[in-house]
PDB file of N, CA and C in Angstrom:
ATOM      1  N   MET A   1     -60.164 -79.417 -28.783  1.00  0.00           N
ATOM      2  CA  MET A   1     -59.951 -80.317 -29.892  1.00  0.00           C
ATOM      3  C   MET A   1     -60.072 -81.748 -29.375  1.00  0.00           C
ATOM      4  N   ASN A   2     -60.781 -82.555 -30.123  1.00  0.00           N
ATOM      5  CA  ASN A   2     -60.963 -83.955 -29.759  1.00  0.00           C
ATOM      6  C   ASN A   2     -59.925 -84.824 -30.453  1.00  0.00           C
ATOM      7  N   ILE A   3     -59.521 -85.881 -29.747  1.00  0.00           N
ATOM      8  CA  ILE A   3     -58.534 -86.803 -30.292  1.00  0.00           C
ATOM      9  C   ILE A   3     -58.973 -88.244 -30.062  1.00  0.00           C
ATOM     10  N   SER A   4     -58.323 -89.133 -30.792  1.00  0.00           N
ATOM     11  CA  SER A   4     -58.478 -90.576 -30.632  1.00  0.00           C
ATOM     12  C   SER A   4     -57.090 -91.132 -30.362  1.00  0.00           C
ATOM     13  N   ILE A   5     -56.990 -92.036 -29.393  1.00  0.00           N
ATOM     14  CA  ILE A   5     -55.705 -92.660 -29.075  1.00  0.00           C
ATOM     15  C   ILE A   5     -55.896 -94.170 -29.115  1.00  0.00           C
ATOM     16  N   GLU A   6     -54.966 -94.845 -29.772  1.00  0.00           N
ATOM     17  CA  GLU A   6     -54.967 -96.310 -29.818  1.00  0.00           C
ATOM     18  C   GLU A   6     -53.718 -96.801 -29.094  1.00  0.00           C
ATOM     19  N   PHE A   7     -53.915 -97.740 -28.167  1.00  0.00           N
ATOM     20  CA  PHE A   7     -52.825 -98.298 -27.369  1.00  0.00           C
ATOM     21  C   PHE A   7     -52.666 -99.783 -27.637  1.00  0.00           C
ATOM     22  N   THR A   8     -51.436-100.240 -27.552  1.00  0.00           N
ATOM     23  CA  THR A   8     -51.141-101.656 -27.411  1.00  0.00           C
ATOM     24  C   THR A   8     -50.098-101.759 -26.305  1.00  0.00           C
ATOM     25  N   LEU A   9     -50.497-102.292 -25.169  1.00  0.00           N
ATOM     26  CA  LEU A   9     -49.597-102.480 -24.026  1.00  0.00           C
ATOM     27  C   LEU A   9     -49.047-103.895 -24.093  1.00  0.00           C
ATOM     28  N   THR A  10     -47.721-104.015 -24.038  1.00  0.00           N
ATOM     29  CA  THR A  10     -47.072-105.322 -24.147  1.00  0.00           C
ATOM     30  C   THR A  10     -46.105-105.521 -22.988  1.00  0.00           C
ATOM     31  N   PRO A  11     -46.568-106.125 -21.893  1.00  0.00           N
ATOM     32  CA  PRO A  11     -45.657-106.452 -20.795  1.00  0.00           C
ATOM     33  C   PRO A  11     -44.694-107.557 -21.245  1.00  0.00           C
ATOM     34  N   LEU A  12     -43.424-107.380 -20.985  1.00  0.00           N
ATOM     35  CA  LEU A  12     -42.414-108.364 -21.386  1.00  0.00           C
ATOM     36  C   LEU A  12     -42.163-109.330 -20.228  1.00  0.00           C
ATOM     37  N   GLN A  13     -43.154-110.181 -20.013  1.00  0.00           N
ATOM     38  CA  GLN A  13     -43.098-111.160 -18.932  1.00  0.00           C
ATOM     39  C   GLN A  13     -44.010-112.324 -19.290  1.00  0.00           C
ATOM     40  N   THR A  14     -43.822-113.429 -18.612  1.00  0.00           N
ATOM     41  CA  THR A  14     -44.601-114.628 -18.887  1.00  0.00           C
ATOM     42  C   THR A  14     -46.083-114.418 -18.601  1.00  0.00           C
ATOM     43  N   ASN A  15     -46.406-113.873 -17.446  1.00  0.00           N
ATOM     44  CA  ASN A  15     -47.792-113.658 -17.044  1.00  0.00           C
ATOM     45  C   ASN A  15     -48.216-112.254 -17.484  1.00  0.00           C
ATOM     46  N   PHE A  16     -48.469-112.087 -18.784  1.00  0.00           N
ATOM     47  CA  PHE A  16     -48.679-110.758 -19.355  1.00  0.00           C
ATOM     48  C   PHE A  16     -50.114-110.256 -19.282  1.00  0.00           C
ATOM     49  N   GLU A  17     -51.095-111.151 -19.117  1.00  0.00           N
ATOM     50  CA  GLU A  17     -52.488-110.731 -19.172  1.00  0.00           C
ATOM     51  C   GLU A  17     -52.934-109.835 -18.011  1.00  0.00           C
ATOM     52  N   PRO A  18     -52.582-110.122 -16.746  1.00  0.00           N
ATOM     53  CA  PRO A  18     -53.059-109.265 -15.652  1.00  0.00           C
ATOM     54  C   PRO A  18     -52.699-107.783 -15.793  1.00  0.00           C
ATOM     55  N   PRO A  19     -51.474-107.417 -16.188  1.00  0.00           N
ATOM     56  CA  PRO A  19     -51.195-105.986 -16.353  1.00  0.00           C
ATOM     57  C   PRO A  19     -51.998-105.337 -17.490  1.00  0.00           C
ATOM     58  N   ILE A  20     -52.254-106.085 -18.543  1.00  0.00           N
ATOM     59  CA  ILE A  20     -53.064-105.557 -19.648  1.00  0.00           C
ATOM     60  C   ILE A  20     -54.488-105.313 -19.168  1.00  0.00           C
ATOM     61  N   ILE A  21     -55.037-106.278 -18.463  1.00  0.00           N
ATOM     62  CA  ILE A  21     -56.395-106.151 -17.929  1.00  0.00           C
ATOM     63  C   ILE A  21     -56.478-104.975 -16.965  1.00  0.00           C
ATOM     64  N   ALA A  22     -55.496-104.823 -16.107  1.00  0.00           N
ATOM     65  CA  ALA A  22     -55.487-103.699 -15.154  1.00  0.00           C
ATOM     66  C   ALA A  22     -55.450-102.358 -15.887  1.00  0.00           C
ATOM     67  N   PHE A  23     -54.643-102.264 -16.937  1.00  0.00           N
ATOM     68  CA  PHE A  23     -54.553-101.028 -17.716  1.00  0.00           C
ATOM     69  C   PHE A  23     -55.895-100.714 -18.381  1.00  0.00           C
ATOM     70  N   ILE A  24     -56.516-101.716 -18.988  1.00  0.00           N
ATOM     71  CA  ILE A  24     -57.815-101.506 -19.638  1.00  0.00           C
ATOM     72  C   ILE A  24     -58.872-101.099 -18.615  1.00  0.00           C
ATOM     73  N   LYS A  25     -58.871-101.721 -17.446  1.00  0.00           N
ATOM     74  CA  LYS A  25     -59.842-101.354 -16.406  1.00  0.00           C
ATOM     75  C   LYS A  25     -59.644 -99.911 -15.957  1.00  0.00           C
ATOM     76  N   SER A  26     -58.399 -99.452 -15.883  1.00  0.00           N
ATOM     77  CA  SER A  26     -58.166 -98.053 -15.510  1.00  0.00           C
ATOM     78  C   SER A  26     -58.707 -97.118 -16.587  1.00  0.00           C
ATOM     79  N   LEU A  27     -58.601 -97.512 -17.848  1.00  0.00           N
ATOM     80  CA  LEU A  27     -59.162 -96.704 -18.925  1.00  0.00           C
ATOM     81  C   LEU A  27     -60.684 -96.686 -18.847  1.00  0.00           C
ATOM     82  N   ARG A  28     -61.291 -97.831 -18.557  1.00  0.00           N
ATOM     83  CA  ARG A  28     -62.756 -97.909 -18.455  1.00  0.00           C
ATOM     84  C   ARG A  28     -63.300 -96.991 -17.369  1.00  0.00           C
ATOM     85  N   LYS A  29     -62.589 -96.864 -16.259  1.00  0.00           N
ATOM     86  CA  LYS A  29     -63.040 -96.038 -15.132  1.00  0.00           C
ATOM     87  C   LYS A  29     -62.889 -94.538 -15.386  1.00  0.00           C
ATOM     88  N   SER A  30     -62.251 -94.165 -16.479  1.00  0.00           N
ATOM     89  CA  SER A  30     -61.892 -92.775 -16.726  1.00  0.00           C
ATOM     90  C   SER A  30     -63.074 -91.868 -17.058  1.00  0.00           C
ATOM     91  N   GLY A  31     -64.154 -92.430 -17.563  1.00  0.00           N
ATOM     92  CA  GLY A  31     -65.264 -91.607 -18.018  1.00  0.00           C
ATOM     93  C   GLY A  31     -65.164 -91.256 -19.495  1.00  0.00           C
ATOM     94  N   PHE A  32     -64.014 -91.555 -20.119  1.00  0.00           N
ATOM     95  CA  PHE A  32     -63.860 -91.355 -21.552  1.00  0.00           C
ATOM     96  C   PHE A  32     -64.447 -92.551 -22.287  1.00  0.00           C
ATOM     97  N   LYS A  33     -64.778 -92.365 -23.558  1.00  0.00           N
ATOM     98  CA  LYS A  33     -65.261 -93.483 -24.365  1.00  0.00           C
ATOM     99  C   LYS A  33     -64.084 -94.394 -24.672  1.00  0.00           C
ATOM    100  N   VAL A  34     -64.254 -95.688 -24.387  1.00  0.00           N
ATOM    101  CA  VAL A  34     -63.200 -96.685 -24.594  1.00  0.00           C
ATOM    102  C   VAL A  34     -63.763 -97.804 -25.456  1.00  0.00           C
ATOM    103  N   ILE A  35     -63.012 -98.180 -26.478  1.00  0.00           N
ATOM    104  CA  ILE A  35     -63.378 -99.314 -27.333  1.00  0.00           C
ATOM    105  C   ILE A  35     -62.210-100.289 -27.326  1.00  0.00           C
ATOM    106  N   GLU A  36     -62.514-101.550 -27.062  1.00  0.00           N
ATOM    107  CA  GLU A  36     -61.478-102.584 -26.994  1.00  0.00           C
ATOM    108  C   GLU A  36     -61.587-103.507 -28.200  1.00  0.00           C
ATOM    109  N   THR A  37     -60.437-103.891 -28.733  1.00  0.00           N
ATOM    110  CA  THR A  37     -60.375-104.879 -29.802  1.00  0.00           C
ATOM    111  C   THR A  37     -59.400-105.966 -29.334  1.00  0.00           C
ATOM    112  N   PRO A  38     -59.301-107.069 -30.045  1.00  0.00           N
ATOM    113  CA  PRO A  38     -58.364-108.116 -29.627  1.00  0.00           C
ATOM    114  C   PRO A  38     -56.895-107.672 -29.614  1.00  0.00           C
ATOM    115  N   LEU A  39     -56.535-106.665 -30.411  1.00  0.00           N
ATOM    116  CA  LEU A  39     -55.131-106.277 -30.521  1.00  0.00           C
ATOM    117  C   LEU A  39     -54.803-104.909 -29.937  1.00  0.00           C
ATOM    118  N   SER A  40     -55.819-104.105 -29.639  1.00  0.00           N
ATOM    119  CA  SER A  40     -55.546-102.769 -29.118  1.00  0.00           C
ATOM    120  C   SER A  40     -56.771-102.243 -28.384  1.00  0.00           C
ATOM    121  N   THR A  41     -56.574-101.111 -27.752  1.00  0.00           N
ATOM    122  CA  THR A  41     -57.647-100.416 -27.060  1.00  0.00           C
ATOM    123  C   THR A  41     -57.626 -98.963 -27.502  1.00  0.00           C
ATOM    124  N   GLN A  42     -58.796 -98.421 -27.791  1.00  0.00           N
ATOM    125  CA  GLN A  42     -58.895 -97.023 -28.186  1.00  0.00           C
ATOM    126  C   GLN A  42     -59.623 -96.230 -27.112  1.00  0.00           C
ATOM    127  N   ILE A  43     -59.221 -94.969 -26.972  1.00  0.00           N
ATOM    128  CA  ILE A  43     -59.871 -94.063 -26.038  1.00  0.00           C
ATOM    129  C   ILE A  43     -60.037 -92.723 -26.748  1.00  0.00           C
ATOM    130  N   TYR A  44     -61.137 -92.040 -26.454  1.00  0.00           N
ATOM    131  CA  TYR A  44     -61.504 -90.838 -27.189  1.00  0.00           C
ATOM    132  C   TYR A  44     -61.877 -89.732 -26.214  1.00  0.00           C
ATOM    133  N   GLY A  45     -61.484 -88.498 -26.540  1.00  0.00           N
ATOM    134  CA  GLY A  45     -61.869 -87.379 -25.694  1.00  0.00           C
ATOM    135  C   GLY A  45     -61.193 -86.086 -26.076  1.00  0.00           C
ATOM    136  N   GLU A  46     -61.386 -85.086 -25.242  1.00  0.00           N
ATOM    137  CA  GLU A  46     -60.818 -83.762 -25.448  1.00  0.00           C
ATOM    138  C   GLU A  46     -59.329 -83.806 -25.136  1.00  0.00           C
ATOM    139  N   TYR A  47     -58.519 -83.219 -25.978  1.00  0.00           N
ATOM    140  CA  TYR A  47     -57.062 -83.349 -25.927  1.00  0.00           C
ATOM    141  C   TYR A  47     -56.478 -83.111 -24.531  1.00  0.00           C
ATOM    142  N   ASP A  48     -56.705 -81.943 -23.957  1.00  0.00           N
ATOM    143  CA  ASP A  48     -56.042 -81.597 -22.690  1.00  0.00           C
ATOM    144  C   ASP A  48     -56.409 -82.547 -21.555  1.00  0.00           C
ATOM    145  N   THR A  49     -57.689 -82.828 -21.403  1.00  0.00           N
ATOM    146  CA  THR A  49     -58.095 -83.703 -20.299  1.00  0.00           C
ATOM    147  C   THR A  49     -57.682 -85.153 -20.547  1.00  0.00           C
ATOM    148  N   LEU A  50     -57.783 -85.595 -21.797  1.00  0.00           N
ATOM    149  CA  LEU A  50     -57.402 -86.972 -22.104  1.00  0.00           C
ATOM    150  C   LEU A  50     -55.901 -87.187 -21.942  1.00  0.00           C
ATOM    151  N   MET A  51     -55.097 -86.269 -22.421  1.00  0.00           N
ATOM    152  CA  MET A  51     -53.636 -86.417 -22.306  1.00  0.00           C
ATOM    153  C   MET A  51     -53.192 -86.386 -20.841  1.00  0.00           C
ATOM    154  N   LEU A  52     -53.830 -85.559 -20.022  1.00  0.00           N
ATOM    155  CA  LEU A  52     -53.506 -85.531 -18.597  1.00  0.00           C
ATOM    156  C   LEU A  52     -53.818 -86.883 -17.955  1.00  0.00           C
ATOM    157  N   PHE A  53     -55.003 -87.421 -18.261  1.00  0.00           N
ATOM    158  CA  PHE A  53     -55.373 -88.725 -17.719  1.00  0.00           C
ATOM    159  C   PHE A  53     -54.431 -89.820 -18.211  1.00  0.00           C
ATOM    160  N   ILE A  54     -54.175 -89.841 -19.522  1.00  0.00           N
ATOM    161  CA  ILE A  54     -53.339 -90.886 -20.113  1.00  0.00           C
ATOM    162  C   ILE A  54     -51.928 -90.867 -19.539  1.00  0.00           C
ATOM    163  N   SER A  55     -51.386 -89.696 -19.330  1.00  0.00           N
ATOM    164  CA  SER A  55     -50.046 -89.581 -18.751  1.00  0.00           C
ATOM    165  C   SER A  55     -49.975 -90.283 -17.399  1.00  0.00           C
ATOM    166  N   LYS A  56     -50.982 -90.069 -16.575  1.00  0.00           N
ATOM    167  CA  LYS A  56     -51.022 -90.702 -15.254  1.00  0.00           C
ATOM    168  C   LYS A  56     -51.238 -92.215 -15.357  1.00  0.00           C
ATOM    169  N   ALA A  57     -52.110 -92.632 -16.274  1.00  0.00           N
ATOM    170  CA  ALA A  57     -52.396 -94.065 -16.435  1.00  0.00           C
ATOM    171  C   ALA A  57     -51.171 -94.823 -16.938  1.00  0.00           C
ATOM    172  N   ILE A  58     -50.455 -94.221 -17.879  1.00  0.00           N
ATOM    173  CA  ILE A  58     -49.246 -94.865 -18.395  1.00  0.00           C
ATOM    174  C   ILE A  58     -48.185 -94.948 -17.309  1.00  0.00           C
ATOM    175  N   LYS A  59     -48.007 -93.880 -16.563  1.00  0.00           N
ATOM    176  CA  LYS A  59     -47.007 -93.877 -15.492  1.00  0.00           C
ATOM    177  C   LYS A  59     -47.314 -94.965 -14.459  1.00  0.00           C
ATOM    178  N   ALA A  60     -48.575 -95.076 -14.064  1.00  0.00           N
ATOM    179  CA  ALA A  60     -48.961 -96.096 -13.083  1.00  0.00           C
ATOM    180  C   ALA A  60     -48.675 -97.499 -13.621  1.00  0.00           C
ATOM    181  N   SER A  61     -48.972 -97.728 -14.882  1.00  0.00           N
ATOM    182  CA  SER A  61     -48.709 -99.029 -15.488  1.00  0.00           C
ATOM    183  C   SER A  61     -47.212 -99.309 -15.553  1.00  0.00           C
ATOM    184  N   PHE A  62     -46.429 -98.324 -15.945  1.00  0.00           N
ATOM    185  CA  PHE A  62     -44.978 -98.497 -16.034  1.00  0.00           C
ATOM    186  C   PHE A  62     -44.364 -98.737 -14.658  1.00  0.00           C
ATOM    187  N   GLU A  63     -44.866 -98.075 -13.639  1.00  0.00           N
ATOM    188  CA  GLU A  63     -44.332 -98.267 -12.287  1.00  0.00           C
ATOM    189  C   GLU A  63     -44.626 -99.668 -11.758  1.00  0.00           C
ATOM    190  N   ALA A  64     -45.695-100.283 -12.251  1.00  0.00           N
ATOM    191  CA  ALA A  64     -46.084-101.613 -11.782  1.00  0.00           C
ATOM    192  C   ALA A  64     -45.341-102.742 -12.504  1.00  0.00           C
ATOM    193  N   LEU A  65     -44.619-102.417 -13.584  1.00  0.00           N
ATOM    194  CA  LEU A  65     -43.972-103.439 -14.393  1.00  0.00           C
ATOM    195  C   LEU A  65     -42.483-103.168 -14.512  1.00  0.00           C
ATOM    196  N   ASP A  66     -41.703-104.243 -14.583  1.00  0.00           N
ATOM    197  CA  ASP A  66     -40.263-104.079 -14.770  1.00  0.00           C
ATOM    198  C   ASP A  66     -39.908-103.781 -16.227  1.00  0.00           C
ATOM    199  N   HIS A  67     -40.564-104.490 -17.152  1.00  0.00           N
ATOM    200  CA  HIS A  67     -40.267-104.335 -18.572  1.00  0.00           C
ATOM    201  C   HIS A  67     -41.575-104.314 -19.350  1.00  0.00           C
ATOM    202  N   VAL A  68     -41.790-103.239 -20.114  1.00  0.00           N
ATOM    203  CA  VAL A  68     -43.053-103.092 -20.834  1.00  0.00           C
ATOM    204  C   VAL A  68     -42.837-102.207 -22.063  1.00  0.00           C
ATOM    205  N   VAL A  69     -43.603-102.499 -23.112  1.00  0.00           N
ATOM    206  CA  VAL A  69     -43.613-101.675 -24.308  1.00  0.00           C
ATOM    207  C   VAL A  69     -45.039-101.161 -24.480  1.00  0.00           C
ATOM    208  N   LEU A  70     -45.165 -99.877 -24.772  1.00  0.00           N
ATOM    209  CA  LEU A  70     -46.470 -99.291 -25.052  1.00  0.00           C
ATOM    210  C   LEU A  70     -46.409 -98.630 -26.424  1.00  0.00           C
ATOM    211  N   SER A  71     -47.220 -99.134 -27.341  1.00  0.00           N
ATOM    212  CA  SER A  71     -47.338 -98.507 -28.658  1.00  0.00           C
ATOM    213  C   SER A  71     -48.586 -97.643 -28.634  1.00  0.00           C
ATOM    214  N   MET A  72     -48.460 -96.416 -29.148  1.00  0.00           N
ATOM    215  CA  MET A  72     -49.578 -95.488 -29.085  1.00  0.00           C
ATOM    216  C   MET A  72     -49.656 -94.691 -30.383  1.00  0.00           C
ATOM    217  N   LYS A  73     -50.879 -94.550 -30.893  1.00  0.00           N
ATOM    218  CA  LYS A  73     -51.142 -93.702 -32.053  1.00  0.00           C
ATOM    219  C   LYS A  73     -52.162 -92.656 -31.627  1.00  0.00           C
ATOM    220  N   ILE A  74     -51.940 -91.425 -32.039  1.00  0.00           N
ATOM    221  CA  ILE A  74     -52.872 -90.343 -31.727  1.00  0.00           C
ATOM    222  C   ILE A  74     -53.369 -89.745 -33.033  1.00  0.00           C
ATOM    223  N   VAL A  75     -54.682 -89.608 -33.147  1.00  0.00           N
ATOM    224  CA  VAL A  75     -55.310 -89.015 -34.318  1.00  0.00           C
ATOM    225  C   VAL A  75     -56.022 -87.736 -33.872  1.00  0.00           C
ATOM    226  N   LYS A  76     -55.826 -86.670 -34.609  1.00  0.00           N
ATOM    227  CA  LYS A  76     -56.468 -85.396 -34.279  1.00  0.00           C
ATOM    228  C   LYS A  76     -57.894 -85.390 -34.831  1.00  0.00           C
ATOM    229  N   PHE A  77     -58.742 -86.166 -34.208  1.00  0.00           N
ATOM    230  CA  PHE A  77     -60.147 -86.265 -34.591  1.00  0.00           C
ATOM    231  C   PHE A  77     -60.758 -87.354 -33.728  1.00  0.00           C
ATOM    232  N   ASP A  78     -62.022 -87.225 -33.387  1.00  0.00           N
ATOM    233  CA  ASP A  78     -62.721 -88.274 -32.643  1.00  0.00           C
ATOM    234  C   ASP A  78     -63.238 -89.297 -33.644  1.00  0.00           C
ATOM    235  N   ARG A  79     -62.587 -90.453 -33.697  1.00  0.00           N
ATOM    236  CA  ARG A  79     -62.941 -91.512 -34.646  1.00  0.00           C
ATOM    237  C   ARG A  79     -63.818 -92.588 -34.004  1.00  0.00           C
ATOM    238  N   SER A  80     -64.416 -92.299 -32.853  1.00  0.00           N
ATOM    239  CA  SER A  80     -65.161 -93.321 -32.114  1.00  0.00           C
ATOM    240  C   SER A  80     -66.390 -93.830 -32.858  1.00  0.00           C
ATOM    241  N   ASP A  81     -66.897 -93.072 -33.816  1.00  0.00           N
ATOM    242  CA  ASP A  81     -68.075 -93.525 -34.543  1.00  0.00           C
ATOM    243  C   ASP A  81     -67.741 -94.098 -35.925  1.00  0.00           C
ATOM    244  N   TYR A  82     -66.461 -94.383 -36.160  1.00  0.00           N
ATOM    245  CA  TYR A  82     -66.026 -94.918 -37.455  1.00  0.00           C
ATOM    246  C   TYR A  82     -66.643 -96.282 -37.722  1.00  0.00           C
ATOM    247  N   GLU A  83     -67.178 -96.439 -38.921  1.00  0.00           N
ATOM    248  CA  GLU A  83     -67.667 -97.735 -39.379  1.00  0.00           C
ATOM    249  C   GLU A  83     -67.149 -97.943 -40.792  1.00  0.00           C
ATOM    250  N   PRO A  84     -66.518 -99.089 -41.051  1.00  0.00           N
ATOM    251  CA  PRO A  84     -66.009 -99.346 -42.404  1.00  0.00           C
ATOM    252  C   PRO A  84     -67.151 -99.346 -43.416  1.00  0.00           C
ATOM    253  N   ASN A  85     -66.892 -98.843 -44.604  1.00  0.00           N
ATOM    254  CA  ASN A  85     -67.922 -98.829 -45.644  1.00  0.00           C
ATOM    255  C   ASN A  85     -67.534 -99.723 -46.826  1.00  0.00           C
ATOM    256  N   PHE A  86     -66.849-100.792 -46.525  1.00  0.00           N
ATOM    257  CA  PHE A  86     -66.455-101.724 -47.586  1.00  0.00           C
ATOM    258  C   PHE A  86     -66.841-103.122 -47.231  1.00  0.00           C
TER     259      PHE A  86
END
């Protein structure tokens, strides 16, 4: 089963951009399809392999930061080709 995941990583620190950039770069290296927007990042793939990868990526990010919030939405469908029709 394919899924779509949308993330918003929010480091609770003054210099917040480097951890966000590092997290996005780790997603880019994954081999999964990644789409970035100004407010979130989406990643798409097969449920089991994607969730295994994401679990490790989130843990690595959390270990590197003292205080962080991660908002995540999961959709049971690959929405990577979505285009608005309005």
